[in-house]
Structures are given as C-alpha cells and as structure tokens.
Amino acid sequence: MKEEYLNRIYIISNEEESALEKFNSGLSSKEYGDILYSLYQKYDLVLNEIYNDLEIYLPSEKIKILKDEKIKWISEKEEKLNIEHSDLEDNLSYIEVNEMLCSLTKERCYELIECIE
C-alpha cells in the first residue's frame, strides 16, 4: 500500500514538473494555474485515500490523534492560503496559491504515508 501511494505521488509530481516546463515555454499563467489546481485535486484525492486507509488499519487511539491532526492541518493550510488570497489580482498570485496547495498537500501525503506500516 505504501509503495502504491508513493508511486501515485511520484506520477503527480512528474506532471507538475511537466506543467512547469510548459509554462516556461510559453503556457499562459491562467492555463498553468488551472493545471496546478487540477494537480492539487489529484494530491488531495490521494491524501483522502491515505486518511481512509489509515482509519481502517490504525488502532482507535491513533485514529483520534490523526483526526485531531487533520483538523489542525486543514486550519493551518487555510490560514496560509488566506494570506495568499488577499492579493489575487494577478495571475501570478493565482499560480502561487495553487503551487502552495500542491506543495502543502503533497507534503502531508508524505507525512501520512510514514504512518502506514
């Protein structure tokens, strides 16, 4: 299971690198931001699947801790994004917000994968 999640994240990361190469070769800011958002959604899907699997396999006391951490992580992510959203007047900010969503969510995936035995 652990390897499957790592492979999925690796594939999404490669898509992210490919999108950056396209952006550096002339892809518009809007298109790049849209691609980043779709990649964030892929990371988020994996993240939710990891959470679901952990809830099945972890003991109940660890699940409680995991749920508390999940709530805290979501709050911290939203707080970081609120700071970024305050300046969404140009496409660069749109890119930055979606880059942050990808980065934070991918990082959380890796953290949770470490909980898989």
PDB file of N, CA and C in Angstrom:
ATOM      1  N   MET A   1       0.829  -1.192   0.000  1.00  0.00           N
ATOM      2  CA  MET A   1       0.000   0.000   0.000  1.00  0.00           C
ATOM      3  C   MET A   1       0.877   1.261   0.000  1.00  0.00           C
ATOM      4  N   LYS A   2       1.904   1.258   0.824  1.00  0.00           N
ATOM      5  CA  LYS A   2       2.790   2.402   0.931  1.00  0.00           C
ATOM      6  C   LYS A   2       3.423   2.729  -0.429  1.00  0.00           C
ATOM      7  N   GLU A   3       3.919   1.697  -1.098  1.00  0.00           N
ATOM      8  CA  GLU A   3       4.555   1.886  -2.408  1.00  0.00           C
ATOM      9  C   GLU A   3       3.562   2.422  -3.438  1.00  0.00           C
ATOM     10  N   GLU A   4       2.336   1.952  -3.376  1.00  0.00           N
ATOM     11  CA  GLU A   4       1.317   2.422  -4.312  1.00  0.00           C
ATOM     12  C   GLU A   4       1.109   3.937  -4.164  1.00  0.00           C
ATOM     13  N   TYR A   5       0.998   4.389  -2.933  1.00  0.00           N
ATOM     14  CA  TYR A   5       0.819   5.827  -2.708  1.00  0.00           C
ATOM     15  C   TYR A   5       2.049   6.620  -3.135  1.00  0.00           C
ATOM     16  N   LEU A   6       3.220   6.110  -2.822  1.00  0.00           N
ATOM     17  CA  LEU A   6       4.446   6.802  -3.237  1.00  0.00           C
ATOM     18  C   LEU A   6       4.526   6.902  -4.755  1.00  0.00           C
ATOM     19  N   ASN A   7       4.143   5.842  -5.449  1.00  0.00           N
ATOM     20  CA  ASN A   7       4.150   5.858  -6.911  1.00  0.00           C
ATOM     21  C   ASN A   7       3.149   6.866  -7.465  1.00  0.00           C
ATOM     22  N   ARG A   8       1.978   6.932  -6.871  1.00  0.00           N
ATOM     23  CA  ARG A   8       0.965   7.882  -7.339  1.00  0.00           C
ATOM     24  C   ARG A   8       1.433   9.316  -7.145  1.00  0.00           C
ATOM     25  N   ILE A   9       2.059   9.581  -6.013  1.00  0.00           N
ATOM     26  CA  ILE A   9       2.577  10.928  -5.761  1.00  0.00           C
ATOM     27  C   ILE A   9       3.707  11.248  -6.729  1.00  0.00           C
ATOM     28  N   TYR A  10       4.529  10.271  -7.006  1.00  0.00           N
ATOM     29  CA  TYR A  10       5.624  10.449  -7.958  1.00  0.00           C
ATOM     30  C   TYR A  10       5.073  10.829  -9.343  1.00  0.00           C
ATOM     31  N   ILE A  11       4.030  10.153  -9.776  1.00  0.00           N
ATOM     32  CA  ILE A  11       3.416  10.442 -11.083  1.00  0.00           C
ATOM     33  C   ILE A  11       2.859  11.867 -11.109  1.00  0.00           C
ATOM     34  N   ILE A  12       2.172  12.253 -10.056  1.00  0.00           N
ATOM     35  CA  ILE A  12       1.613  13.608  -9.998  1.00  0.00           C
ATOM     36  C   ILE A  12       2.742  14.637  -9.981  1.00  0.00           C
ATOM     37  N   SER A  13       3.811  14.356  -9.251  1.00  0.00           N
ATOM     38  CA  SER A  13       4.964  15.262  -9.204  1.00  0.00           C
ATOM     39  C   SER A  13       5.577  15.433 -10.589  1.00  0.00           C
ATOM     40  N   ASN A  14       5.642  14.344 -11.340  1.00  0.00           N
ATOM     41  CA  ASN A  14       6.154  14.434 -12.711  1.00  0.00           C
ATOM     42  C   ASN A  14       5.249  15.305 -13.578  1.00  0.00           C
ATOM     43  N   GLU A  15       3.945  15.178 -13.385  1.00  0.00           N
ATOM     44  CA  GLU A  15       3.007  16.035 -14.120  1.00  0.00           C
ATOM     45  C   GLU A  15       3.233  17.503 -13.752  1.00  0.00           C
ATOM     46  N   GLU A  16       3.522  17.737 -12.486  1.00  0.00           N
ATOM     47  CA  GLU A  16       3.779  19.093 -12.008  1.00  0.00           C
ATOM     48  C   GLU A  16       5.035  19.665 -12.679  1.00  0.00           C
ATOM     49  N   GLU A  17       6.087  18.864 -12.759  1.00  0.00           N
ATOM     50  CA  GLU A  17       7.322  19.298 -13.416  1.00  0.00           C
ATOM     51  C   GLU A  17       7.089  19.558 -14.899  1.00  0.00           C
ATOM     52  N   SER A  18       6.314  18.708 -15.532  1.00  0.00           N
ATOM     53  CA  SER A  18       5.997  18.876 -16.948  1.00  0.00           C
ATOM     54  C   SER A  18       5.218  20.171 -17.183  1.00  0.00           C
ATOM     55  N   ALA A  19       4.285  20.462 -16.298  1.00  0.00           N
ATOM     56  CA  ALA A  19       3.495  21.695 -16.412  1.00  0.00           C
ATOM     57  C   ALA A  19       4.400  22.911 -16.276  1.00  0.00           C
ATOM     58  N   LEU A  20       5.365  22.865 -15.369  1.00  0.00           N
ATOM     59  CA  LEU A  20       6.299  23.979 -15.199  1.00  0.00           C
ATOM     60  C   LEU A  20       7.128  24.182 -16.460  1.00  0.00           C
ATOM     61  N   GLU A  21       7.574  23.100 -17.064  1.00  0.00           N
ATOM     62  CA  GLU A  21       8.328  23.198 -18.316  1.00  0.00           C
ATOM     63  C   GLU A  21       7.479  23.856 -19.403  1.00  0.00           C
ATOM     64  N   LYS A  22       6.203  23.475 -19.479  1.00  0.00           N
ATOM     65  CA  LYS A  22       5.300  24.082 -20.467  1.00  0.00           C
ATOM     66  C   LYS A  22       5.106  25.564 -20.169  1.00  0.00           C
ATOM     67  N   PHE A  23       4.979  25.910 -18.906  1.00  0.00           N
ATOM     68  CA  PHE A  23       4.817  27.315 -18.521  1.00  0.00           C
ATOM     69  C   PHE A  23       6.053  28.112 -18.918  1.00  0.00           C
ATOM     70  N   ASN A  24       7.221  27.548 -18.674  1.00  0.00           N
ATOM     71  CA  ASN A  24       8.470  28.219 -19.046  1.00  0.00           C
ATOM     72  C   ASN A  24       8.654  28.314 -20.553  1.00  0.00           C
ATOM     73  N   SER A  25       7.891  27.504 -21.294  1.00  0.00           N
ATOM     74  CA  SER A  25       7.958  27.523 -22.759  1.00  0.00           C
ATOM     75  C   SER A  25       6.807  28.285 -23.390  1.00  0.00           C
ATOM     76  N   GLY A  26       6.036  29.003 -22.587  1.00  0.00           N
ATOM     77  CA  GLY A  26       5.023  29.862 -23.169  1.00  0.00           C
ATOM     78  C   GLY A  26       3.584  29.595 -22.779  1.00  0.00           C
ATOM     79  N   LEU A  27       3.330  28.593 -21.961  1.00  0.00           N
ATOM     80  CA  LEU A  27       1.964  28.356 -21.486  1.00  0.00           C
ATOM     81  C   LEU A  27       1.506  29.573 -20.692  1.00  0.00           C
ATOM     82  N   SER A  28       0.273  29.986 -20.863  1.00  0.00           N
ATOM     83  CA  SER A  28      -0.209  31.182 -20.165  1.00  0.00           C
ATOM     84  C   SER A  28      -0.285  30.942 -18.659  1.00  0.00           C
ATOM     85  N   SER A  29      -0.242  32.036 -17.919  1.00  0.00           N
ATOM     86  CA  SER A  29      -0.343  31.960 -16.459  1.00  0.00           C
ATOM     87  C   SER A  29      -1.655  31.314 -16.032  1.00  0.00           C
ATOM     88  N   LYS A  30      -2.731  31.677 -16.702  1.00  0.00           N
ATOM     89  CA  LYS A  30      -4.047  31.121 -16.377  1.00  0.00           C
ATOM     90  C   LYS A  30      -4.074  29.616 -16.609  1.00  0.00           C
ATOM     91  N   GLU A  31      -3.552  29.189 -17.759  1.00  0.00           N
ATOM     92  CA  GLU A  31      -3.537  27.752 -18.058  1.00  0.00           C
ATOM     93  C   GLU A  31      -2.666  26.993 -17.059  1.00  0.00           C
ATOM     94  N   TYR A  32      -1.521  27.569 -16.722  1.00  0.00           N
ATOM     95  CA  TYR A  32      -0.620  26.930 -15.763  1.00  0.00           C
ATOM     96  C   TYR A  32      -1.285  26.840 -14.389  1.00  0.00           C
ATOM     97  N   GLY A  33      -1.913  27.921 -13.964  1.00  0.00           N
ATOM     98  CA  GLY A  33      -2.618  27.910 -12.685  1.00  0.00           C
ATOM     99  C   GLY A  33      -3.728  26.873 -12.664  1.00  0.00           C
ATOM    100  N   ASP A  34      -4.445  26.738 -13.774  1.00  0.00           N
ATOM    101  CA  ASP A  34      -5.514  25.740 -13.868  1.00  0.00           C
ATOM    102  C   ASP A  34      -4.954  24.317 -13.771  1.00  0.00           C
ATOM    103  N   ILE A  35      -3.820  24.083 -14.432  1.00  0.00           N
ATOM    104  CA  ILE A  35      -3.188  22.768 -14.357  1.00  0.00           C
ATOM    105  C   ILE A  35      -2.752  22.486 -12.927  1.00  0.00           C
ATOM    106  N   LEU A  36      -2.147  23.477 -12.288  1.00  0.00           N
ATOM    107  CA  LEU A  36      -1.724  23.294 -10.900  1.00  0.00           C
ATOM    108  C   LEU A  36      -2.912  22.967 -10.001  1.00  0.00           C
ATOM    109  N   TYR A  37      -4.025  23.649 -10.234  1.00  0.00           N
ATOM    110  CA  TYR A  37      -5.207  23.365  -9.417  1.00  0.00           C
ATOM    111  C   TYR A  37      -5.677  21.925  -9.627  1.00  0.00           C
ATOM    112  N   SER A  38      -5.661  21.457 -10.863  1.00  0.00           N
ATOM    113  CA  SER A  38      -6.087  20.065 -11.120  1.00  0.00           C
ATOM    114  C   SER A  38      -5.101  19.086 -10.482  1.00  0.00           C
ATOM    115  N   LEU A  39      -3.821  19.436 -10.439  1.00  0.00           N
ATOM    116  CA  LEU A  39      -2.837  18.576  -9.777  1.00  0.00           C
ATOM    117  C   LEU A  39      -3.047  18.584  -8.265  1.00  0.00           C
ATOM    118  N   TYR A  40      -3.386  19.747  -7.720  1.00  0.00           N
ATOM    119  CA  TYR A  40      -3.725  19.814  -6.296  1.00  0.00           C
ATOM    120  C   TYR A  40      -4.885  18.867  -5.993  1.00  0.00           C
ATOM    121  N   GLN A  41      -5.889  18.851  -6.862  1.00  0.00           N
ATOM    122  CA  GLN A  41      -7.037  17.971  -6.646  1.00  0.00           C
ATOM    123  C   GLN A  41      -6.609  16.502  -6.656  1.00  0.00           C
ATOM    124  N   LYS A  42      -5.647  16.160  -7.512  1.00  0.00           N
ATOM    125  CA  LYS A  42      -5.131  14.790  -7.532  1.00  0.00           C
ATOM    126  C   LYS A  42      -4.407  14.464  -6.227  1.00  0.00           C
ATOM    127  N   TYR A  43      -3.554  15.389  -5.767  1.00  0.00           N
ATOM    128  CA  TYR A  43      -2.877  15.185  -4.484  1.00  0.00           C
ATOM    129  C   TYR A  43      -3.898  15.034  -3.356  1.00  0.00           C
ATOM    130  N   ASP A  44      -4.922  15.866  -3.395  1.00  0.00           N
ATOM    131  CA  ASP A  44      -5.944  15.834  -2.348  1.00  0.00           C
ATOM    132  C   ASP A  44      -6.704  14.504  -2.353  1.00  0.00           C
ATOM    133  N   LEU A  45      -6.962  13.978  -3.522  1.00  0.00           N
ATOM    134  CA  LEU A  45      -7.622  12.675  -3.631  1.00  0.00           C
ATOM    135  C   LEU A  45      -6.752  11.595  -2.979  1.00  0.00           C
ATOM    136  N   VAL A  46      -5.467  11.600  -3.290  1.00  0.00           N
ATOM    137  CA  VAL A  46      -4.549  10.631  -2.688  1.00  0.00           C
ATOM    138  C   VAL A  46      -4.520  10.820  -1.175  1.00  0.00           C
ATOM    139  N   LEU A  47      -4.448  12.070  -0.738  1.00  0.00           N
ATOM    140  CA  LEU A  47      -4.421  12.363   0.691  1.00  0.00           C
ATOM    141  C   LEU A  47      -5.652  11.779   1.390  1.00  0.00           C
ATOM    142  N   ASN A  48      -6.813  11.989   0.828  1.00  0.00           N
ATOM    143  CA  ASN A  48      -8.042  11.467   1.426  1.00  0.00           C
ATOM    144  C   ASN A  48      -8.071   9.942   1.430  1.00  0.00           C
ATOM    145  N   GLU A  49      -7.535   9.325   0.398  1.00  0.00           N
ATOM    146  CA  GLU A  49      -7.460   7.866   0.363  1.00  0.00           C
ATOM    147  C   GLU A  49      -6.515   7.347   1.449  1.00  0.00           C
ATOM    148  N   ILE A  50      -5.405   8.052   1.657  1.00  0.00           N
ATOM    149  CA  ILE A  50      -4.470   7.658   2.719  1.00  0.00           C
ATOM    150  C   ILE A  50      -5.171   7.762   4.072  1.00  0.00           C
ATOM    151  N   TYR A  51      -5.851   8.882   4.305  1.00  0.00           N
ATOM    152  CA  TYR A  51      -6.609   9.030   5.553  1.00  0.00           C
ATOM    153  C   TYR A  51      -7.589   7.871   5.742  1.00  0.00           C
ATOM    154  N   ASN A  52      -8.330   7.560   4.698  1.00  0.00           N
ATOM    155  CA  ASN A  52      -9.326   6.483   4.786  1.00  0.00           C
ATOM    156  C   ASN A  52      -8.676   5.143   5.117  1.00  0.00           C
ATOM    157  N   ASP A  53      -7.566   4.853   4.468  1.00  0.00           N
ATOM    158  CA  ASP A  53      -6.870   3.599   4.745  1.00  0.00           C
ATOM    159  C   ASP A  53      -6.327   3.568   6.169  1.00  0.00           C
ATOM    160  N   LEU A  54      -5.776   4.678   6.612  1.00  0.00           N
ATOM    161  CA  LEU A  54      -5.247   4.721   7.975  1.00  0.00           C
ATOM    162  C   LEU A  54      -6.354   4.518   9.005  1.00  0.00           C
ATOM    163  N   GLU A  55      -7.531   5.056   8.738  1.00  0.00           N
ATOM    164  CA  GLU A  55      -8.645   4.890   9.663  1.00  0.00           C
ATOM    165  C   GLU A  55      -9.076   3.429   9.772  1.00  0.00           C
ATOM    166  N   ILE A  56      -8.822   2.669   8.736  1.00  0.00           N
ATOM    167  CA  ILE A  56      -9.168   1.241   8.756  1.00  0.00           C
ATOM    168  C   ILE A  56      -8.126   0.450   9.544  1.00  0.00           C
ATOM    169  N   TYR A  57      -6.865   0.802   9.373  1.00  0.00           N
ATOM    170  CA  TYR A  57      -5.792  -0.037   9.900  1.00  0.00           C
ATOM    171  C   TYR A  57      -5.206   0.403  11.237  1.00  0.00           C
ATOM    172  N   LEU A  58      -5.392   1.649  11.592  1.00  0.00           N
ATOM    173  CA  LEU A  58      -4.804   2.117  12.844  1.00  0.00           C
ATOM    174  C   LEU A  58      -5.718   1.817  14.024  1.00  0.00           C
ATOM    175  N   PRO A  59      -5.134   1.648  15.200  1.00  0.00           N
ATOM    176  CA  PRO A  59      -5.949   1.484  16.405  1.00  0.00           C
ATOM    177  C   PRO A  59      -6.739   2.764  16.692  1.00  0.00           C
ATOM    178  N   SER A  60      -7.832   2.641  17.400  1.00  0.00           N
ATOM    179  CA  SER A  60      -8.742   3.770  17.625  1.00  0.00           C
ATOM    180  C   SER A  60      -8.067   4.963  18.291  1.00  0.00           C
ATOM    181  N   GLU A  61      -7.132   4.731  19.211  1.00  0.00           N
ATOM    182  CA  GLU A  61      -6.467   5.873  19.862  1.00  0.00           C
ATOM    183  C   GLU A  61      -5.599   6.653  18.871  1.00  0.00           C
ATOM    184  N   LYS A  62      -5.004   5.955  17.912  1.00  0.00           N
ATOM    185  CA  LYS A  62      -4.215   6.650  16.886  1.00  0.00           C
ATOM    186  C   LYS A  62      -5.115   7.376  15.895  1.00  0.00           C
ATOM    187  N   ILE A  63      -6.275   6.805  15.640  1.00  0.00           N
ATOM    188  CA  ILE A  63      -7.230   7.453  14.734  1.00  0.00           C
ATOM    189  C   ILE A  63      -7.684   8.789  15.327  1.00  0.00           C
ATOM    190  N   LYS A  64      -7.930   8.812  16.616  1.00  0.00           N
ATOM    191  CA  LYS A  64      -8.331  10.063  17.288  1.00  0.00           C
ATOM    192  C   LYS A  64      -7.244  11.121  17.118  1.00  0.00           C
ATOM    193  N   ILE A  65      -6.001  10.745  17.326  1.00  0.00           N
ATOM    194  CA  ILE A  65      -4.878  11.676  17.153  1.00  0.00           C
ATOM    195  C   ILE A  65      -4.807  12.139  15.699  1.00  0.00           C
ATOM    196  N   LEU A  66      -4.973  11.206  14.786  1.00  0.00           N
ATOM    197  CA  LEU A  66      -4.928  11.522  13.361  1.00  0.00           C
ATOM    198  C   LEU A  66      -6.025  12.512  12.970  1.00  0.00           C
ATOM    199  N   LYS A  67      -7.228  12.311  13.496  1.00  0.00           N
ATOM    200  CA  LYS A  67      -8.333  13.230  13.196  1.00  0.00           C
ATOM    201  C   LYS A  67      -8.058  14.629  13.742  1.00  0.00           C
ATOM    202  N   ASP A  68      -7.505  14.695  14.951  1.00  0.00           N
ATOM    203  CA  ASP A  68      -7.148  15.998  15.518  1.00  0.00           C
ATOM    204  C   ASP A  68      -6.079  16.686  14.672  1.00  0.00           C
ATOM    205  N   GLU A  69      -5.080  15.912  14.240  1.00  0.00           N
ATOM    206  CA  GLU A  69      -4.029  16.467  13.381  1.00  0.00           C
ATOM    207  C   GLU A  69      -4.595  16.924  12.045  1.00  0.00           C
ATOM    208  N   LYS A  70      -5.566  16.182  11.532  1.00  0.00           N
ATOM    209  CA  LYS A  70      -6.190  16.532  10.252  1.00  0.00           C
ATOM    210  C   LYS A  70      -6.881  17.890  10.355  1.00  0.00           C
ATOM    211  N   ILE A  71      -7.631  18.085  11.418  1.00  0.00           N
ATOM    212  CA  ILE A  71      -8.327  19.356  11.627  1.00  0.00           C
ATOM    213  C   ILE A  71      -7.315  20.498  11.756  1.00  0.00           C
ATOM    214  N   LYS A  72      -6.266  20.263  12.507  1.00  0.00           N
ATOM    215  CA  LYS A  72      -5.222  21.272  12.684  1.00  0.00           C
ATOM    216  C   LYS A  72      -4.539  21.582  11.356  1.00  0.00           C
ATOM    217  N   TRP A  73      -4.221  20.549  10.578  1.00  0.00           N
ATOM    218  CA  TRP A  73      -3.550  20.742   9.297  1.00  0.00           C
ATOM    219  C   TRP A  73      -4.433  21.547   8.334  1.00  0.00           C
ATOM    220  N   ILE A  74      -5.712  21.225   8.292  1.00  0.00           N
ATOM    221  CA  ILE A  74      -6.631  21.953   7.407  1.00  0.00           C
ATOM    222  C   ILE A  74      -6.683  23.423   7.812  1.00  0.00           C
ATOM    223  N   SER A  75      -6.755  23.699   9.093  1.00  0.00           N
ATOM    224  CA  SER A  75      -6.787  25.086   9.579  1.00  0.00           C
ATOM    225  C   SER A  75      -5.513  25.831   9.205  1.00  0.00           C
ATOM    226  N   GLU A  76      -4.383  25.178   9.380  1.00  0.00           N
ATOM    227  CA  GLU A  76      -3.105  25.814   9.040  1.00  0.00           C
ATOM    228  C   GLU A  76      -3.001  26.074   7.540  1.00  0.00           C
ATOM    229  N   LYS A  77      -3.461  25.122   6.742  1.00  0.00           N
ATOM    230  CA  LYS A  77      -3.444  25.292   5.285  1.00  0.00           C
ATOM    231  C   LYS A  77      -4.325  26.474   4.891  1.00  0.00           C
ATOM    232  N   GLU A  78      -5.518  26.522   5.450  1.00  0.00           N
ATOM    233  CA  GLU A  78      -6.437  27.612   5.120  1.00  0.00           C
ATOM    234  C   GLU A  78      -5.884  28.965   5.569  1.00  0.00           C
ATOM    235  N   GLU A  79      -5.230  28.994   6.714  1.00  0.00           N
ATOM    236  CA  GLU A  79      -4.636  30.238   7.200  1.00  0.00           C
ATOM    237  C   GLU A  79      -3.549  30.718   6.237  1.00  0.00           C
ATOM    238  N   LYS A  80      -2.699  29.811   5.790  1.00  0.00           N
ATOM    239  CA  LYS A  80      -1.651  30.178   4.828  1.00  0.00           C
ATOM    240  C   LYS A  80      -2.262  30.674   3.535  1.00  0.00           C
ATOM    241  N   LEU A  81      -3.329  30.017   3.104  1.00  0.00           N
ATOM    242  CA  LEU A  81      -3.962  30.409   1.849  1.00  0.00           C
ATOM    243  C   LEU A  81      -4.709  31.727   1.972  1.00  0.00           C
ATOM    244  N   ASN A  82      -5.273  32.012   3.128  1.00  0.00           N
ATOM    245  CA  ASN A  82      -5.956  33.294   3.318  1.00  0.00           C
ATOM    246  C   ASN A  82      -4.991  34.456   3.141  1.00  0.00           C
ATOM    247  N   ILE A  83      -3.783  34.288   3.604  1.00  0.00           N
ATOM    248  CA  ILE A  83      -2.766  35.320   3.419  1.00  0.00           C
ATOM    249  C   ILE A  83      -2.494  35.495   1.933  1.00  0.00           C
ATOM    250  N   GLU A  84      -2.366  34.395   1.216  1.00  0.00           N
ATOM    251  CA  GLU A  84      -2.103  34.453  -0.220  1.00  0.00           C
ATOM    252  C   GLU A  84      -3.305  34.993  -0.998  1.00  0.00           C
ATOM    253  N   HIS A  85      -4.517  34.610  -0.599  1.00  0.00           N
ATOM    254  CA  HIS A  85      -5.718  35.034  -1.320  1.00  0.00           C
ATOM    255  C   HIS A  85      -5.968  36.535  -1.220  1.00  0.00           C
ATOM    256  N   SER A  86      -5.364  37.186  -0.259  1.00  0.00           N
ATOM    257  CA  SER A  86      -5.607  38.616  -0.102  1.00  0.00           C
ATOM    258  C   SER A  86      -5.076  39.415  -1.281  1.00  0.00           C
ATOM    259  N   ASP A  87      -4.241  38.807  -2.105  1.00  0.00           N
ATOM    260  CA  ASP A  87      -3.669  39.507  -3.242  1.00  0.00           C
ATOM    261  C   ASP A  87      -3.815  38.680  -4.518  1.00  0.00           C
ATOM    262  N   LEU A  88      -5.042  38.379  -4.889  1.00  0.00           N
ATOM    263  CA  LEU A  88      -5.284  37.581  -6.085  1.00  0.00           C
ATOM    264  C   LEU A  88      -5.618  38.429  -7.312  1.00  0.00           C
ATOM    265  N   GLU A  89      -5.029  39.601  -7.402  1.00  0.00           N
ATOM    266  CA  GLU A  89      -5.372  40.495  -8.501  1.00  0.00           C
ATOM    267  C   GLU A  89      -4.678  40.128  -9.805  1.00  0.00           C
ATOM    268  N   ASP A  90      -3.608  39.360  -9.742  1.00  0.00           N
ATOM    269  CA  ASP A  90      -2.941  38.984 -10.981  1.00  0.00           C
ATOM    270  C   ASP A  90      -2.789  37.473 -11.061  1.00  0.00           C
ATOM    271  N   ASN A  91      -2.468  36.993 -12.249  1.00  0.00           N
ATOM    272  CA  ASN A  91      -2.367  35.555 -12.469  1.00  0.00           C
ATOM    273  C   ASN A  91      -1.203  34.929 -11.717  1.00  0.00           C
ATOM    274  N   LEU A  92      -0.171  35.708 -11.441  1.00  0.00           N
ATOM    275  CA  LEU A  92       0.959  35.168 -10.703  1.00  0.00           C
ATOM    276  C   LEU A  92       0.508  34.718  -9.324  1.00  0.00           C
ATOM    277  N   SER A  93      -0.334  35.489  -8.675  1.00  0.00           N
ATOM    278  CA  SER A  93      -0.859  35.097  -7.367  1.00  0.00           C
ATOM    279  C   SER A  93      -1.701  33.828  -7.482  1.00  0.00           C
ATOM    280  N   TYR A  94      -2.444  33.709  -8.553  1.00  0.00           N
ATOM    281  CA  TYR A  94      -3.227  32.504  -8.806  1.00  0.00           C
ATOM    282  C   TYR A  94      -2.295  31.298  -8.884  1.00  0.00           C
ATOM    283  N   ILE A  95      -1.191  31.460  -9.557  1.00  0.00           N
ATOM    284  CA  ILE A  95      -0.195  30.391  -9.654  1.00  0.00           C
ATOM    285  C   ILE A  95       0.376  30.085  -8.277  1.00  0.00           C
ATOM    286  N   GLU A  96       0.740  31.118  -7.545  1.00  0.00           N
ATOM    287  CA  GLU A  96       1.344  30.914  -6.224  1.00  0.00           C
ATOM    288  C   GLU A  96       0.406  30.174  -5.275  1.00  0.00           C
ATOM    289  N   VAL A  97      -0.857  30.528  -5.288  1.00  0.00           N
ATOM    290  CA  VAL A  97      -1.830  29.852  -4.419  1.00  0.00           C
ATOM    291  C   VAL A  97      -1.922  28.373  -4.791  1.00  0.00           C
ATOM    292  N   ASN A  98      -1.991  28.074  -6.070  1.00  0.00           N
ATOM    293  CA  ASN A  98      -2.111  26.683  -6.490  1.00  0.00           C
ATOM    294  C   ASN A  98      -0.817  25.907  -6.281  1.00  0.00           C
ATOM    295  N   GLU A  99       0.321  26.580  -6.412  1.00  0.00           N
ATOM    296  CA  GLU A  99       1.592  25.933  -6.075  1.00  0.00           C
ATOM    297  C   GLU A  99       1.621  25.576  -4.588  1.00  0.00           C
ATOM    298  N   MET A 100       1.125  26.492  -3.762  1.00  0.00           N
ATOM    299  CA  MET A 100       1.100  26.248  -2.326  1.00  0.00           C
ATOM    300  C   MET A 100       0.161  25.092  -1.993  1.00  0.00           C
ATOM    301  N   LEU A 101      -1.008  25.062  -2.624  1.00  0.00           N
ATOM    302  CA  LEU A 101      -1.937  23.949  -2.402  1.00  0.00           C
ATOM    303  C   LEU A 101      -1.273  22.612  -2.744  1.00  0.00           C
ATOM    304  N   CYS A 102      -0.601  22.576  -3.886  1.00  0.00           N
ATOM    305  CA  CYS A 102       0.093  21.343  -4.286  1.00  0.00           C
ATOM    306  C   CYS A 102       1.163  20.972  -3.274  1.00  0.00           C
ATOM    307  N   SER A 103       1.982  21.930  -2.922  1.00  0.00           N
ATOM    308  CA  SER A 103       3.099  21.672  -2.027  1.00  0.00           C
ATOM    309  C   SER A 103       2.649  21.191  -0.650  1.00  0.00           C
ATOM    310  N   LEU A 104       1.712  21.905  -0.055  1.00  0.00           N
ATOM    311  CA  LEU A 104       1.236  21.539   1.276  1.00  0.00           C
ATOM    312  C   LEU A 104       0.567  20.170   1.290  1.00  0.00           C
ATOM    313  N   THR A 105      -0.206  19.888   0.267  1.00  0.00           N
ATOM    314  CA  THR A 105      -0.946  18.630   0.215  1.00  0.00           C
ATOM    315  C   THR A 105      -0.003  17.464  -0.063  1.00  0.00           C
ATOM    316  N   LYS A 106       0.952  17.672  -0.964  1.00  0.00           N
ATOM    317  CA  LYS A 106       1.935  16.624  -1.235  1.00  0.00           C
ATOM    318  C   LYS A 106       2.752  16.329   0.025  1.00  0.00           C
ATOM    319  N   GLU A 107       3.169  17.367   0.710  1.00  0.00           N
ATOM    320  CA  GLU A 107       3.928  17.203   1.948  1.00  0.00           C
ATOM    321  C   GLU A 107       3.133  16.403   2.988  1.00  0.00           C
ATOM    322  N   ARG A 108       1.855  16.707   3.114  1.00  0.00           N
ATOM    323  CA  ARG A 108       1.012  15.990   4.077  1.00  0.00           C
ATOM    324  C   ARG A 108       0.847  14.519   3.664  1.00  0.00           C
ATOM    325  N   CYS A 109       0.762  14.267   2.373  1.00  0.00           N
ATOM    326  CA  CYS A 109       0.701  12.883   1.901  1.00  0.00           C
ATOM    327  C   CYS A 109       1.924  12.110   2.379  1.00  0.00           C
ATOM    328  N   TYR A 110       3.096  12.697   2.201  1.00  0.00           N
ATOM    329  CA  TYR A 110       4.328  12.023   2.627  1.00  0.00           C
ATOM    330  C   TYR A 110       4.336  11.786   4.135  1.00  0.00           C
ATOM    331  N   GLU A 111       3.861  12.760   4.891  1.00  0.00           N
ATOM    332  CA  GLU A 111       3.812  12.593   6.347  1.00  0.00           C
ATOM    333  C   GLU A 111       2.917  11.413   6.734  1.00  0.00           C
ATOM    334  N   LEU A 112       1.767  11.330   6.095  1.00  0.00           N
ATOM    335  CA  LEU A 112       0.827  10.253   6.430  1.00  0.00           C
ATOM    336  C   LEU A 112       1.285   8.890   5.924  1.00  0.00           C
ATOM    337  N   ILE A 113       1.982   8.882   4.817  1.00  0.00           N
ATOM    338  CA  ILE A 113       2.495   7.616   4.305  1.00  0.00           C
ATOM    339  C   ILE A 113       3.429   6.978   5.318  1.00  0.00           C
ATOM    340  N   GLU A 114       4.139   7.811   6.057  1.00  0.00           N
ATOM    341  CA  GLU A 114       5.038   7.289   7.086  1.00  0.00           C
ATOM    342  C   GLU A 114       4.287   6.564   8.200  1.00  0.00           C
ATOM    343  N   CYS A 115       3.003   6.824   8.332  1.00  0.00           N
ATOM    344  CA  CYS A 115       2.181   6.147   9.348  1.00  0.00           C
ATOM    345  C   CYS A 115       1.733   4.758   8.902  1.00  0.00           C
ATOM    346  N   ILE A 116       1.882   4.486   7.624  1.00  0.00           N
ATOM    347  CA  ILE A 116       1.458   3.189   7.083  1.00  0.00           C
ATOM    348  C   ILE A 116       2.529   2.160   7.447  1.00  0.00           C
ATOM    349  N   GLU A 117       2.068   1.067   7.986  1.00  0.00           N
ATOM    350  CA  GLU A 117       3.016   0.010   8.386  1.00  0.00           C
ATOM    351  C   GLU A 117       3.174  -1.030   7.319  1.00  0.00           C
TER     352      GLU A 117
END
